[in-house]
Amino acid sequence: MHGIRGVSRYRTVWISDTHLGTRGCKADYLLDFLRHVDADTIYLVGDIVDGWRLKRSWYWTETQNEVVQEILRKTRAGTKVIYVPGNHDECLRDYTDLFFGGVLVAGEAIHVGADGRRFLVIHGDEFDSVVRYAKWLALLGDWAYTVLLALNGQLNRVRRWLKLPYWSLSAYLKHKVKNAVEFISRFEDALADEARRRGVDGVICGHIHHPEMRMIDGILYCNDGDWVESCTALVESYEGRLEILRWTDAPERVGAWVPQALPQGLQKGLADGLRPAPKRAPEKPVSA
């Protein structure tokens, strides 16, 4: 990644689970990412807008609106944007093969990498038995998850005040709870099996808010993560190299703390004053 004003260009970018329309959405980080990353093709891999939450109560911020506008600006500049709906924006599945503001809605996609590898691009909720067969339980889980994210927000406001980097309580608990770990493993295996059945080299998905890239019996499983916990995206270089970018790891990422409307000079001054001192070196991106 480049500095705060630099722009990195990739062949392809995958993002999912932004959950626009919720308080848990890290729209400031996402907007910062979109302003510093360009690509020939961007896949929106589901749960971009949280229709479940918006049905219950309307919540939409100016920053979330700017995220949408930034994506539309990229389509006007020539970026190909493909929207593969998930379960939270499932209403869009009725409009597959149609364009909205230059964005193509597709039920799923096959992506051919620069190195010739073929990947199934799918949100992944079809392989979640709770979503498929017990939607009431999924809705209950969504409510509990919202409460956890609210606690996570309070915790990170304190961490910002202490000039500590972003840390996800919900992601930490997910990794520590045995049942959650087992669910993630079963989900990953199911997606790898589907890719194998389709005769492709790998699968790229979202849904479970767990960024990951690993080989499963000869199939490359990639999950691009989310923008409520991890703030991650999957990117492809022009040589076909894949890696996961974690947008909270780089200390120059100040989108969460510096209002975009401030003049550049003042914005830089605030960034210098609010940049957290990292306690450890940022993790190296996973690549394949």
C-alpha atoms as a PDB file:
ATOM      1  CA  MET A   1       0.000   0.000   0.000  1.00  0.00           C
ATOM      2  CA  HIS A   2       1.060   3.535  -0.646  1.00  0.00           C
ATOM      3  CA  GLY A   3       1.016   6.524   1.698  1.00  0.00           C
ATOM      4  CA  ILE A   4      -2.068   8.465   2.647  1.00  0.00           C
ATOM      5  CA  ARG A   5      -2.267  10.330  -0.685  1.00  0.00           C
ATOM      6  CA  GLY A   6      -1.007   7.492  -2.895  1.00  0.00           C
ATOM      7  CA  VAL A   7      -3.294   5.337  -5.005  1.00  0.00           C
ATOM      8  CA  SER A   8      -2.609   1.628  -5.551  1.00  0.00           C
ATOM      9  CA  ARG A   9      -3.923   0.002  -8.717  1.00  0.00           C
ATOM     10  CA  TYR A  10      -4.910  -3.638  -9.050  1.00  0.00           C
ATOM     11  CA  ARG A  11      -6.357  -5.810 -11.759  1.00  0.00           C
ATOM     12  CA  THR A  12      -9.247  -6.911  -9.530  1.00  0.00           C
ATOM     13  CA  VAL A  13     -10.661  -6.078  -6.096  1.00  0.00           C
ATOM     14  CA  TRP A  14     -13.235  -8.056  -4.103  1.00  0.00           C
ATOM     15  CA  ILE A  15     -15.113  -6.551  -1.144  1.00  0.00           C
ATOM     16  CA  SER A  16     -18.162  -7.854   0.690  1.00  0.00           C
ATOM     17  CA  ASP A  17     -20.236  -7.525   3.838  1.00  0.00           C
ATOM     18  CA  THR A  18     -19.990  -3.762   4.122  1.00  0.00           C
ATOM     19  CA  HIS A  19     -23.499  -3.696   5.644  1.00  0.00           C
ATOM     20  CA  LEU A  20     -24.275  -0.136   4.595  1.00  0.00           C
ATOM     21  CA  GLY A  21     -27.320   1.029   6.513  1.00  0.00           C
ATOM     22  CA  THR A  22     -26.062  -0.168   9.889  1.00  0.00           C
ATOM     23  CA  ARG A  23     -24.214   1.520  12.713  1.00  0.00           C
ATOM     24  CA  GLY A  24     -21.611  -1.242  12.647  1.00  0.00           C
ATOM     25  CA  CYS A  25     -20.491  -0.428   9.100  1.00  0.00           C
ATOM     26  CA  LYS A  26     -16.951   1.006   9.052  1.00  0.00           C
ATOM     27  CA  ALA A  27     -17.896   3.377   6.234  1.00  0.00           C
ATOM     28  CA  ASP A  28     -15.023   5.773   7.033  1.00  0.00           C
ATOM     29  CA  TYR A  29     -12.433   3.023   6.545  1.00  0.00           C
ATOM     30  CA  LEU A  30     -14.232   1.764   3.428  1.00  0.00           C
ATOM     31  CA  LEU A  31     -14.390   5.220   1.873  1.00  0.00           C
ATOM     32  CA  ASP A  32     -10.699   5.704   2.586  1.00  0.00           C
ATOM     33  CA  PHE A  33      -9.977   2.345   0.929  1.00  0.00           C
ATOM     34  CA  LEU A  34     -11.984   3.195  -2.182  1.00  0.00           C
ATOM     35  CA  ARG A  35     -10.225   6.538  -2.522  1.00  0.00           C
ATOM     36  CA  HIS A  36      -6.785   4.928  -2.340  1.00  0.00           C
ATOM     37  CA  VAL A  37      -7.389   1.810  -4.450  1.00  0.00           C
ATOM     38  CA  ASP A  38      -8.313   1.573  -8.133  1.00  0.00           C
ATOM     39  CA  ALA A  39      -8.966  -1.558 -10.185  1.00  0.00           C
ATOM     40  CA  ASP A  40     -10.031  -2.664 -13.641  1.00  0.00           C
ATOM     41  CA  THR A  41     -12.780  -4.771 -12.054  1.00  0.00           C
ATOM     42  CA  ILE A  42     -14.443  -4.592  -8.642  1.00  0.00           C
ATOM     43  CA  TYR A  43     -16.633  -7.396  -7.332  1.00  0.00           C
ATOM     44  CA  LEU A  44     -19.151  -6.517  -4.613  1.00  0.00           C
ATOM     45  CA  VAL A  45     -19.613  -9.963  -3.086  1.00  0.00           C
ATOM     46  CA  GLY A  46     -22.880  -9.535  -1.215  1.00  0.00           C
ATOM     47  CA  ASP A  47     -24.327  -7.893   1.902  1.00  0.00           C
ATOM     48  CA  ILE A  48     -23.225  -4.512   0.607  1.00  0.00           C
ATOM     49  CA  VAL A  49     -26.497  -2.872   1.723  1.00  0.00           C
ATOM     50  CA  ASP A  50     -28.148  -4.400   4.790  1.00  0.00           C
ATOM     51  CA  GLY A  51     -31.782  -4.713   3.742  1.00  0.00           C
ATOM     52  CA  TRP A  52     -32.667  -6.699   6.865  1.00  0.00           C
ATOM     53  CA  ARG A  53     -31.698  -3.811   9.125  1.00  0.00           C
ATOM     54  CA  LEU A  54     -33.131  -1.068   6.942  1.00  0.00           C
ATOM     55  CA  LYS A  55     -36.521  -2.812   6.991  1.00  0.00           C
ATOM     56  CA  ARG A  56     -36.589  -2.537  10.786  1.00  0.00           C
ATOM     57  CA  SER A  57     -35.266   1.021  11.110  1.00  0.00           C
ATOM     58  CA  TRP A  58     -33.732   3.517   8.729  1.00  0.00           C
ATOM     59  CA  TYR A  59     -30.108   4.438   9.307  1.00  0.00           C
ATOM     60  CA  TRP A  60     -28.002   6.045   6.597  1.00  0.00           C
ATOM     61  CA  THR A  61     -25.075   8.418   7.097  1.00  0.00           C
ATOM     62  CA  GLU A  62     -23.421  10.899   4.777  1.00  0.00           C
ATOM     63  CA  THR A  63     -20.260   8.790   4.791  1.00  0.00           C
ATOM     64  CA  GLN A  64     -22.224   5.715   3.705  1.00  0.00           C
ATOM     65  CA  ASN A  65     -23.735   7.779   0.911  1.00  0.00           C
ATOM     66  CA  GLU A  66     -20.236   8.866  -0.128  1.00  0.00           C
ATOM     67  CA  VAL A  67     -19.224   5.201  -0.343  1.00  0.00           C
ATOM     68  CA  VAL A  68     -22.011   4.581  -2.877  1.00  0.00           C
ATOM     69  CA  GLN A  69     -21.081   7.715  -4.821  1.00  0.00           C
ATOM     70  CA  GLU A  70     -17.416   6.686  -4.904  1.00  0.00           C
ATOM     71  CA  ILE A  71     -18.336   3.303  -6.408  1.00  0.00           C
ATOM     72  CA  LEU A  72     -20.505   5.010  -9.025  1.00  0.00           C
ATOM     73  CA  ARG A  73     -17.667   7.419  -9.810  1.00  0.00           C
ATOM     74  CA  LYS A  74     -15.434   4.428 -10.480  1.00  0.00           C
ATOM     75  CA  THR A  75     -17.950   2.962 -12.945  1.00  0.00           C
ATOM     76  CA  ARG A  76     -18.052   6.282 -14.802  1.00  0.00           C
ATOM     77  CA  ALA A  77     -14.250   6.264 -14.928  1.00  0.00           C
ATOM     78  CA  GLY A  78     -14.287   2.862 -16.644  1.00  0.00           C
ATOM     79  CA  THR A  79     -14.115   0.365 -13.768  1.00  0.00           C
ATOM     80  CA  LYS A  80     -16.219  -2.742 -14.298  1.00  0.00           C
ATOM     81  CA  VAL A  81     -18.313  -3.312 -11.160  1.00  0.00           C
ATOM     82  CA  ILE A  82     -20.142  -6.610 -10.613  1.00  0.00           C
ATOM     83  CA  TYR A  83     -22.579  -6.927  -7.697  1.00  0.00           C
ATOM     84  CA  VAL A  84     -23.209 -10.489  -6.457  1.00  0.00           C
ATOM     85  CA  PRO A  85     -26.005 -10.139  -3.837  1.00  0.00           C
ATOM     86  CA  GLY A  86     -25.957 -11.904  -0.469  1.00  0.00           C
ATOM     87  CA  ASN A  87     -28.647 -12.766   2.054  1.00  0.00           C
ATOM     88  CA  HIS A  88     -28.904  -9.268   3.564  1.00  0.00           C
ATOM     89  CA  ASP A  89     -29.445  -7.733   0.110  1.00  0.00           C
ATOM     90  CA  GLU A  90     -31.248 -10.749  -1.346  1.00  0.00           C
ATOM     91  CA  CYS A  91     -33.941  -8.577  -2.931  1.00  0.00           C
ATOM     92  CA  LEU A  92     -31.415  -7.738  -5.660  1.00  0.00           C
ATOM     93  CA  ARG A  93     -31.373 -11.376  -6.746  1.00  0.00           C
ATOM     94  CA  ASP A  94     -34.585 -10.612  -8.609  1.00  0.00           C
ATOM     95  CA  TYR A  95     -32.643  -8.222 -10.867  1.00  0.00           C
ATOM     96  CA  THR A  96     -29.740 -10.389 -12.048  1.00  0.00           C
ATOM     97  CA  ASP A  97     -28.227  -9.517 -15.449  1.00  0.00           C
ATOM     98  CA  LEU A  98     -29.463  -5.932 -15.127  1.00  0.00           C
ATOM     99  CA  PHE A  99     -27.386  -2.764 -14.771  1.00  0.00           C
ATOM    100  CA  PHE A 100     -27.973  -0.082 -12.133  1.00  0.00           C
ATOM    101  CA  GLY A 101     -25.839   3.036 -12.492  1.00  0.00           C
ATOM    102  CA  GLY A 102     -23.314   1.034 -14.487  1.00  0.00           C
ATOM    103  CA  VAL A 103     -23.181  -1.765 -11.879  1.00  0.00           C
ATOM    104  CA  LEU A 104     -24.028  -5.261 -13.173  1.00  0.00           C
ATOM    105  CA  VAL A 105     -26.065  -7.475 -10.814  1.00  0.00           C
ATOM    106  CA  ALA A 106     -25.116 -11.156 -11.114  1.00  0.00           C
ATOM    107  CA  GLY A 107     -26.220 -14.177  -9.115  1.00  0.00           C
ATOM    108  CA  GLU A 108     -22.641 -15.456  -9.214  1.00  0.00           C
ATOM    109  CA  ALA A 109     -19.608 -15.079 -11.458  1.00  0.00           C
ATOM    110  CA  ILE A 110     -16.611 -16.951 -12.807  1.00  0.00           C
ATOM    111  CA  HIS A 111     -13.470 -14.848 -12.596  1.00  0.00           C
ATOM    112  CA  VAL A 112     -10.502 -15.708 -14.813  1.00  0.00           C
ATOM    113  CA  GLY A 113      -7.288 -14.497 -13.232  1.00  0.00           C
ATOM    114  CA  ALA A 114      -4.330 -12.982 -15.036  1.00  0.00           C
ATOM    115  CA  ASP A 115      -2.537 -16.321 -14.653  1.00  0.00           C
ATOM    116  CA  GLY A 116      -5.456 -18.286 -16.113  1.00  0.00           C
ATOM    117  CA  ARG A 117      -6.848 -19.638 -12.839  1.00  0.00           C
ATOM    118  CA  ARG A 118     -10.651 -19.729 -12.686  1.00  0.00           C
ATOM    119  CA  PHE A 119     -12.558 -18.770  -9.524  1.00  0.00           C
ATOM    120  CA  LEU A 120     -16.191 -19.104  -8.555  1.00  0.00           C
ATOM    121  CA  VAL A 121     -17.329 -15.783  -7.049  1.00  0.00           C
ATOM    122  CA  ILE A 122     -20.303 -16.244  -4.730  1.00  0.00           C
ATOM    123  CA  HIS A 123     -21.504 -14.685  -1.480  1.00  0.00           C
ATOM    124  CA  GLY A 124     -21.759 -18.035   0.304  1.00  0.00           C
ATOM    125  CA  ASP A 125     -25.017 -17.846   2.281  1.00  0.00           C
ATOM    126  CA  GLU A 126     -26.336 -20.733   0.180  1.00  0.00           C
ATOM    127  CA  PHE A 127     -23.946 -22.946   2.154  1.00  0.00           C
ATOM    128  CA  ASP A 128     -25.053 -21.688   5.573  1.00  0.00           C
ATOM    129  CA  SER A 129     -27.691 -24.112   6.899  1.00  0.00           C
ATOM    130  CA  VAL A 130     -28.996 -21.585   9.443  1.00  0.00           C
ATOM    131  CA  VAL A 131     -29.721 -19.002   6.745  1.00  0.00           C
ATOM    132  CA  ARG A 132     -31.261 -21.613   4.440  1.00  0.00           C
ATOM    133  CA  TYR A 133     -33.407 -23.595   6.862  1.00  0.00           C
ATOM    134  CA  ALA A 134     -33.930 -21.462   9.991  1.00  0.00           C
ATOM    135  CA  LYS A 135     -34.125 -17.833   8.932  1.00  0.00           C
ATOM    136  CA  TRP A 136     -35.712 -16.849  12.260  1.00  0.00           C
ATOM    137  CA  LEU A 137     -32.555 -18.075  13.999  1.00  0.00           C
ATOM    138  CA  ALA A 138     -30.423 -16.115  11.534  1.00  0.00           C
ATOM    139  CA  LEU A 139     -32.425 -12.972  12.359  1.00  0.00           C
ATOM    140  CA  LEU A 140     -31.971 -13.613  16.096  1.00  0.00           C
ATOM    141  CA  GLY A 141     -28.264 -14.087  15.550  1.00  0.00           C
ATOM    142  CA  ASP A 142     -28.169 -10.867  13.551  1.00  0.00           C
ATOM    143  CA  TRP A 143     -29.691  -9.002  16.519  1.00  0.00           C
ATOM    144  CA  ALA A 144     -27.126 -10.481  18.925  1.00  0.00           C
ATOM    145  CA  TYR A 145     -24.346  -9.623  16.498  1.00  0.00           C
ATOM    146  CA  THR A 146     -25.582  -6.021  16.378  1.00  0.00           C
ATOM    147  CA  VAL A 147     -25.343  -5.767  20.168  1.00  0.00           C
ATOM    148  CA  LEU A 148     -21.804  -7.163  20.067  1.00  0.00           C
ATOM    149  CA  LEU A 149     -20.788  -4.663  17.375  1.00  0.00           C
ATOM    150  CA  ALA A 150     -22.178  -1.823  19.498  1.00  0.00           C
ATOM    151  CA  LEU A 151     -19.948  -2.953  22.371  1.00  0.00           C
ATOM    152  CA  ASN A 152     -17.098  -3.200  19.900  1.00  0.00           C
ATOM    153  CA  GLY A 153     -17.715   0.414  18.848  1.00  0.00           C
ATOM    154  CA  GLN A 154     -17.611   1.654  22.439  1.00  0.00           C
ATOM    155  CA  LEU A 155     -14.375  -0.239  23.059  1.00  0.00           C
ATOM    156  CA  ASN A 156     -12.688   1.225  19.992  1.00  0.00           C
ATOM    157  CA  ARG A 157     -13.709   4.774  20.862  1.00  0.00           C
ATOM    158  CA  VAL A 158     -11.696   4.317  24.070  1.00  0.00           C
ATOM    159  CA  ARG A 159      -8.810   2.785  22.087  1.00  0.00           C
ATOM    160  CA  ARG A 160      -8.807   5.763  19.711  1.00  0.00           C
ATOM    161  CA  TRP A 161      -8.639   8.125  22.680  1.00  0.00           C
ATOM    162  CA  LEU A 162      -5.646   6.138  23.934  1.00  0.00           C
ATOM    163  CA  LYS A 163      -4.155   6.267  20.391  1.00  0.00           C
ATOM    164  CA  LEU A 164      -4.277   2.498  20.064  1.00  0.00           C
ATOM    165  CA  PRO A 165      -5.008   0.752  16.736  1.00  0.00           C
ATOM    166  CA  TYR A 166      -8.397  -0.699  15.846  1.00  0.00           C
ATOM    167  CA  TRP A 167      -9.187  -4.090  17.415  1.00  0.00           C
ATOM    168  CA  SER A 168     -12.283  -6.227  16.885  1.00  0.00           C
ATOM    169  CA  LEU A 169     -13.864  -7.761  19.984  1.00  0.00           C
ATOM    170  CA  SER A 170     -16.383  -9.681  17.865  1.00  0.00           C
ATOM    171  CA  ALA A 171     -13.648 -11.195  15.682  1.00  0.00           C
ATOM    172  CA  TYR A 172     -11.661 -12.174  18.789  1.00  0.00           C
ATOM    173  CA  LEU A 173     -14.650 -13.932  20.370  1.00  0.00           C
ATOM    174  CA  LYS A 174     -15.483 -15.658  17.095  1.00  0.00           C
ATOM    175  CA  HIS A 175     -12.021 -17.202  17.008  1.00  0.00           C
ATOM    176  CA  LYS A 176     -12.217 -18.297  20.650  1.00  0.00           C
ATOM    177  CA  VAL A 177     -15.664 -19.921  20.633  1.00  0.00           C
ATOM    178  CA  LYS A 178     -15.354 -23.580  19.625  1.00  0.00           C
ATOM    179  CA  ASN A 179     -18.702 -23.777  17.815  1.00  0.00           C
ATOM    180  CA  ALA A 180     -17.897 -20.699  15.747  1.00  0.00           C
ATOM    181  CA  VAL A 181     -14.528 -22.155  14.729  1.00  0.00           C
ATOM    182  CA  GLU A 182     -16.188 -25.430  13.727  1.00  0.00           C
ATOM    183  CA  PHE A 183     -18.846 -23.560  11.714  1.00  0.00           C
ATOM    184  CA  ILE A 184     -16.175 -21.591   9.832  1.00  0.00           C
ATOM    185  CA  SER A 185     -14.295 -24.789   9.019  1.00  0.00           C
ATOM    186  CA  ARG A 186     -17.436 -26.535   7.727  1.00  0.00           C
ATOM    187  CA  PHE A 187     -18.350 -23.476   5.673  1.00  0.00           C
ATOM    188  CA  GLU A 188     -14.904 -23.305   4.073  1.00  0.00           C
ATOM    189  CA  ASP A 189     -14.946 -27.024   3.251  1.00  0.00           C
ATOM    190  CA  ALA A 190     -18.418 -26.746   1.691  1.00  0.00           C
ATOM    191  CA  LEU A 191     -17.356 -23.856  -0.559  1.00  0.00           C
ATOM    192  CA  ALA A 192     -14.209 -25.725  -1.600  1.00  0.00           C
ATOM    193  CA  ASP A 193     -16.306 -28.789  -2.447  1.00  0.00           C
ATOM    194  CA  GLU A 194     -18.606 -26.647  -4.594  1.00  0.00           C
ATOM    195  CA  ALA A 195     -15.646 -25.160  -6.464  1.00  0.00           C
ATOM    196  CA  ARG A 196     -14.300 -28.660  -7.067  1.00  0.00           C
ATOM    197  CA  ARG A 197     -17.703 -29.775  -8.363  1.00  0.00           C
ATOM    198  CA  ARG A 198     -17.747 -26.809 -10.770  1.00  0.00           C
ATOM    199  CA  GLY A 199     -14.309 -27.697 -12.099  1.00  0.00           C
ATOM    200  CA  VAL A 200     -12.678 -24.376 -11.148  1.00  0.00           C
ATOM    201  CA  ASP A 201      -9.411 -23.672  -9.378  1.00  0.00           C
ATOM    202  CA  GLY A 202     -10.792 -21.754  -6.424  1.00  0.00           C
ATOM    203  CA  VAL A 203     -13.662 -19.926  -4.787  1.00  0.00           C
ATOM    204  CA  ILE A 204     -13.973 -16.314  -3.614  1.00  0.00           C
ATOM    205  CA  CYS A 205     -16.732 -15.549  -1.123  1.00  0.00           C
ATOM    206  CA  GLY A 206     -17.782 -13.516   1.905  1.00  0.00           C
ATOM    207  CA  HIS A 207     -20.705 -14.010   4.339  1.00  0.00           C
ATOM    208  CA  ILE A 208     -18.949 -15.245   7.510  1.00  0.00           C
ATOM    209  CA  HIS A 209     -16.866 -12.087   8.193  1.00  0.00           C
ATOM    210  CA  HIS A 210     -13.653 -14.098   8.387  1.00  0.00           C
ATOM    211  CA  PRO A 211     -10.896 -13.129   5.926  1.00  0.00           C
ATOM    212  CA  GLU A 212      -8.932 -16.175   4.865  1.00  0.00           C
ATOM    213  CA  MET A 213      -6.928 -17.605   1.997  1.00  0.00           C
ATOM    214  CA  ARG A 214      -5.765 -21.208   2.055  1.00  0.00           C
ATOM    215  CA  MET A 215      -5.583 -24.365  -0.027  1.00  0.00           C
ATOM    216  CA  ILE A 216      -8.217 -27.013   0.749  1.00  0.00           C
ATOM    217  CA  ASP A 217      -7.434 -30.276  -1.036  1.00  0.00           C
ATOM    218  CA  GLY A 218      -6.203 -28.542  -4.160  1.00  0.00           C
ATOM    219  CA  ILE A 219      -8.813 -25.745  -4.169  1.00  0.00           C
ATOM    220  CA  LEU A 220      -7.811 -22.188  -3.265  1.00  0.00           C
ATOM    221  CA  TYR A 221     -10.410 -20.884  -0.801  1.00  0.00           C
ATOM    222  CA  CYS A 222     -10.519 -17.078  -0.506  1.00  0.00           C
ATOM    223  CA  ASN A 223     -12.788 -15.076   1.774  1.00  0.00           C
ATOM    224  CA  ASP A 224     -12.456 -11.308   1.383  1.00  0.00           C
ATOM    225  CA  GLY A 225     -13.692 -10.608   4.928  1.00  0.00           C
ATOM    226  CA  ASP A 226     -15.930  -7.676   5.790  1.00  0.00           C
ATOM    227  CA  TRP A 227     -16.174  -3.982   6.726  1.00  0.00           C
ATOM    228  CA  VAL A 228     -17.793  -4.255  10.155  1.00  0.00           C
ATOM    229  CA  GLU A 229     -15.033  -6.244  11.904  1.00  0.00           C
ATOM    230  CA  SER A 230     -11.962  -6.871   9.782  1.00  0.00           C
ATOM    231  CA  CYS A 231     -11.941  -4.035   7.217  1.00  0.00           C
ATOM    232  CA  THR A 232     -10.379  -6.295   4.599  1.00  0.00           C
ATOM    233  CA  ALA A 233     -10.447  -6.788   0.844  1.00  0.00           C
ATOM    234  CA  LEU A 234      -9.025  -9.342  -1.555  1.00  0.00           C
ATOM    235  CA  VAL A 235      -6.969  -7.935  -4.435  1.00  0.00           C
ATOM    236  CA  GLU A 236      -5.349  -9.372  -7.571  1.00  0.00           C
ATOM    237  CA  SER A 237      -2.210  -7.938  -9.141  1.00  0.00           C
ATOM    238  CA  TYR A 238      -1.680  -7.741 -12.900  1.00  0.00           C
ATOM    239  CA  GLU A 239       0.478 -10.872 -12.611  1.00  0.00           C
ATOM    240  CA  GLY A 240      -2.371 -12.820 -10.982  1.00  0.00           C
ATOM    241  CA  ARG A 241      -1.050 -12.684  -7.408  1.00  0.00           C
ATOM    242  CA  LEU A 242      -3.798 -12.628  -4.777  1.00  0.00           C
ATOM    243  CA  GLU A 243      -3.505 -11.040  -1.354  1.00  0.00           C
ATOM    244  CA  ILE A 244      -5.716  -9.893   1.490  1.00  0.00           C
ATOM    245  CA  LEU A 245      -5.399  -6.240   2.476  1.00  0.00           C
ATOM    246  CA  ARG A 246      -6.303  -5.378   6.054  1.00  0.00           C
ATOM    247  CA  TRP A 247      -7.038  -1.660   5.968  1.00  0.00           C
ATOM    248  CA  THR A 248      -6.623  -1.150   9.733  1.00  0.00           C
ATOM    249  CA  ASP A 249      -3.061  -2.516   9.836  1.00  0.00           C
ATOM    250  CA  ALA A 250      -1.268   0.388   8.155  1.00  0.00           C
ATOM    251  CA  PRO A 251      -0.682   3.227  10.669  1.00  0.00           C
ATOM    252  CA  GLU A 252      -1.230   5.913   7.992  1.00  0.00           C
ATOM    253  CA  ARG A 253      -4.861   4.805   7.617  1.00  0.00           C
ATOM    254  CA  VAL A 254      -6.580   7.681   9.369  1.00  0.00           C
ATOM    255  CA  GLY A 255      -9.924   7.686   7.590  1.00  0.00           C
ATOM    256  CA  ALA A 256     -11.743   6.830  10.823  1.00  0.00           C
ATOM    257  CA  TRP A 257     -10.426   9.894  12.618  1.00  0.00           C
ATOM    258  CA  VAL A 258      -9.902  12.656  10.040  1.00  0.00           C
ATOM    259  CA  PRO A 259     -13.083  14.135   8.486  1.00  0.00           C
ATOM    260  CA  GLN A 260     -12.836  14.050   4.688  1.00  0.00           C
ATOM    261  CA  ALA A 261     -14.249  17.571   4.355  1.00  0.00           C
ATOM    262  CA  LEU A 262     -11.257  19.231   6.026  1.00  0.00           C
ATOM    263  CA  PRO A 263      -8.710  21.006   3.808  1.00  0.00           C
ATOM    264  CA  GLN A 264      -5.757  18.807   2.896  1.00  0.00           C
ATOM    265  CA  GLY A 265      -3.240  20.823   4.919  1.00  0.00           C
ATOM    266  CA  LEU A 266      -5.318  20.707   8.076  1.00  0.00           C
ATOM    267  CA  GLN A 267      -6.194  17.076   7.430  1.00  0.00           C
ATOM    268  CA  LYS A 268      -2.504  16.158   7.239  1.00  0.00           C
ATOM    269  CA  GLY A 269      -1.766  18.074  10.438  1.00  0.00           C
ATOM    270  CA  LEU A 270      -4.492  16.216  12.299  1.00  0.00           C
ATOM    271  CA  ALA A 271      -3.314  12.938  10.827  1.00  0.00           C
ATOM    272  CA  ASP A 272       0.198  13.538  12.150  1.00  0.00           C
ATOM    273  CA  GLY A 273      -1.175  14.283  15.612  1.00  0.00           C
ATOM    274  CA  LEU A 274      -3.642  11.389  15.757  1.00  0.00           C
ATOM    275  CA  ARG A 275      -1.613   8.663  14.091  1.00  0.00           C
ATOM    276  CA  PRO A 276      -1.376   5.798  16.621  1.00  0.00           C
ATOM    277  CA  ALA A 277       1.977   4.391  17.576  1.00  0.00           C
ATOM    278  CA  PRO A 278       1.781   0.693  16.666  1.00  0.00           C
ATOM    279  CA  LYS A 279       2.649  -1.781  19.384  1.00  0.00           C
ATOM    280  CA  ARG A 280       3.854  -4.335  16.833  1.00  0.00           C
ATOM    281  CA  ALA A 281       4.774  -4.479  13.202  1.00  0.00           C
ATOM    282  CA  PRO A 282       1.753  -4.849  10.876  1.00  0.00           C
ATOM    283  CA  GLU A 283       1.072  -8.384   9.741  1.00  0.00           C
ATOM    284  CA  LYS A 284       2.308  -9.250   6.277  1.00  0.00           C
ATOM    285  CA  PRO A 285      -0.542  -9.718   3.796  1.00  0.00           C
ATOM    286  CA  VAL A 286      -1.494 -13.256   2.937  1.00  0.00           C
ATOM    287  CA  SER A 287      -0.701 -13.968  -0.702  1.00  0.00           C
ATOM    288  CA  ALA A 288      -1.014 -16.689  -3.294  1.00  0.00           C
END
